[in-house]
């Protein structure tokens, strides 16, 4: 059977559309791979920032506790010095 010219044109158009769809799907798969790689990289960076944040928080907490301990030691030292230099109030 011999195909007519319009039928051949329709088959060529259909083949061209199928090729464009295949090309489009290939590009989409490539982009999806790039997006996955980018998302994984971003997630890794966020995890690193989260770890740094907790390290800073713990460092600040340790510094604050050291300040409190130092102030408390200074207060105890002043109270001990005052007790040594104070007159004996029990004799009164």
Protein backbone atom coordinates (compact mmCIF):
# COMPACT_ATOMS: atom_id res chain seq x y z
CA UNK A 1 0.00 0.00 0.00
CA UNK A 2 1.28 3.40 -0.94
CA UNK A 3 0.88 6.19 1.63
CA UNK A 4 -0.32 9.57 0.57
CA UNK A 5 1.79 12.69 0.96
CA UNK A 6 -0.35 14.17 3.81
CA UNK A 7 -0.06 10.89 5.73
CA UNK A 8 3.74 10.97 5.35
CA UNK A 9 3.84 14.57 6.57
CA UNK A 10 1.73 13.60 9.56
CA UNK A 11 4.10 10.70 10.38
CA UNK A 12 7.10 13.04 10.10
CA UNK A 13 5.42 15.57 12.40
CA UNK A 14 4.59 12.81 14.86
CA UNK A 15 8.21 11.57 14.81
CA UNK A 16 9.46 15.14 15.36
CA UNK A 17 7.07 15.61 18.31
CA UNK A 18 8.17 12.29 19.83
CA UNK A 19 11.81 13.32 19.45
CA UNK A 20 11.16 16.68 21.13
CA UNK A 21 9.37 14.92 24.00
CA UNK A 22 12.27 12.49 24.40
CA UNK A 23 14.76 15.39 24.39
CA UNK A 24 12.63 17.28 26.90
CA UNK A 25 12.48 14.28 29.23
CA UNK A 26 16.25 13.85 29.01
CA UNK A 27 16.78 17.53 29.92
CA UNK A 28 14.33 17.19 32.80
CA UNK A 29 16.18 14.16 34.16
CA UNK A 30 19.47 16.03 33.92
CA UNK A 31 18.02 19.05 35.72
CA UNK A 32 16.50 16.81 38.39
CA UNK A 33 19.93 15.31 39.02
CA UNK A 34 21.41 18.80 39.34
CA UNK A 35 18.63 19.83 41.72
CA UNK A 36 19.23 16.76 43.88
CA UNK A 37 22.95 17.51 44.02
CA UNK A 38 22.26 21.14 44.89
CA UNK A 39 19.73 20.19 47.56
CA UNK A 40 22.17 17.72 49.12
CA UNK A 41 24.89 20.37 49.14
CA UNK A 42 22.55 22.91 50.73
CA UNK A 43 21.45 20.41 53.37
CA UNK A 44 25.07 19.64 54.20
CA UNK A 45 25.81 23.37 54.55
CA UNK A 46 22.80 23.84 56.84
CA UNK A 47 23.93 20.92 59.01
CA UNK A 48 27.36 22.55 59.29
CA UNK A 49 25.78 25.86 60.31
CA UNK A 50 23.62 24.08 62.87
CA UNK A 51 26.70 22.44 64.40
CA UNK A 52 28.51 25.78 64.51
CA UNK A 53 25.49 27.42 66.11
CA UNK A 54 25.44 24.85 68.93
CA UNK A 55 29.20 25.22 69.41
CA UNK A 56 28.77 28.98 69.81
CA UNK A 57 25.83 28.54 72.21
CA UNK A 58 27.82 26.11 74.36
CA UNK A 59 30.84 28.42 74.32
CA UNK A 60 28.72 31.38 75.44
CA UNK A 61 27.13 29.28 78.17
CA UNK A 62 30.56 28.18 79.40
CA UNK A 63 31.76 31.79 79.37
CA UNK A 64 28.69 32.96 81.33
CA UNK A 65 29.17 30.22 83.91
CA UNK A 66 32.85 31.15 84.24
CA UNK A 67 31.84 34.78 84.82
CA UNK A 68 29.39 33.75 87.52
CA UNK A 69 31.95 31.49 89.21
CA UNK A 70 34.59 34.22 89.08
CA UNK A 71 32.21 36.79 90.57
CA UNK A 72 31.22 34.33 93.28
CA UNK A 73 34.87 33.63 94.14
CA UNK A 74 35.57 37.36 94.37
CA UNK A 75 32.57 37.78 96.69
CA UNK A 76 33.74 34.92 98.92
CA UNK A 77 37.21 36.46 99.02
CA UNK A 78 35.79 39.84 100.08
CA UNK A 79 33.64 38.20 102.80
CA UNK A 80 36.65 36.27 104.15
CA UNK A 81 38.78 39.42 104.16
CA UNK A 82 36.04 41.33 105.97
CA UNK A 83 35.76 38.56 108.57
CA UNK A 84 39.50 38.68 109.25
CA UNK A 85 39.57 42.45 109.68
CA UNK A 86 36.30 42.85 111.56
CA UNK A 87 36.46 43.28 115.34
CA UNK A 88 35.28 40.35 117.40
CA UNK A 89 31.64 41.26 117.97
CA UNK A 90 31.12 38.39 120.39
CA UNK A 91 32.79 40.32 123.19
CA UNK A 92 30.14 43.01 123.15
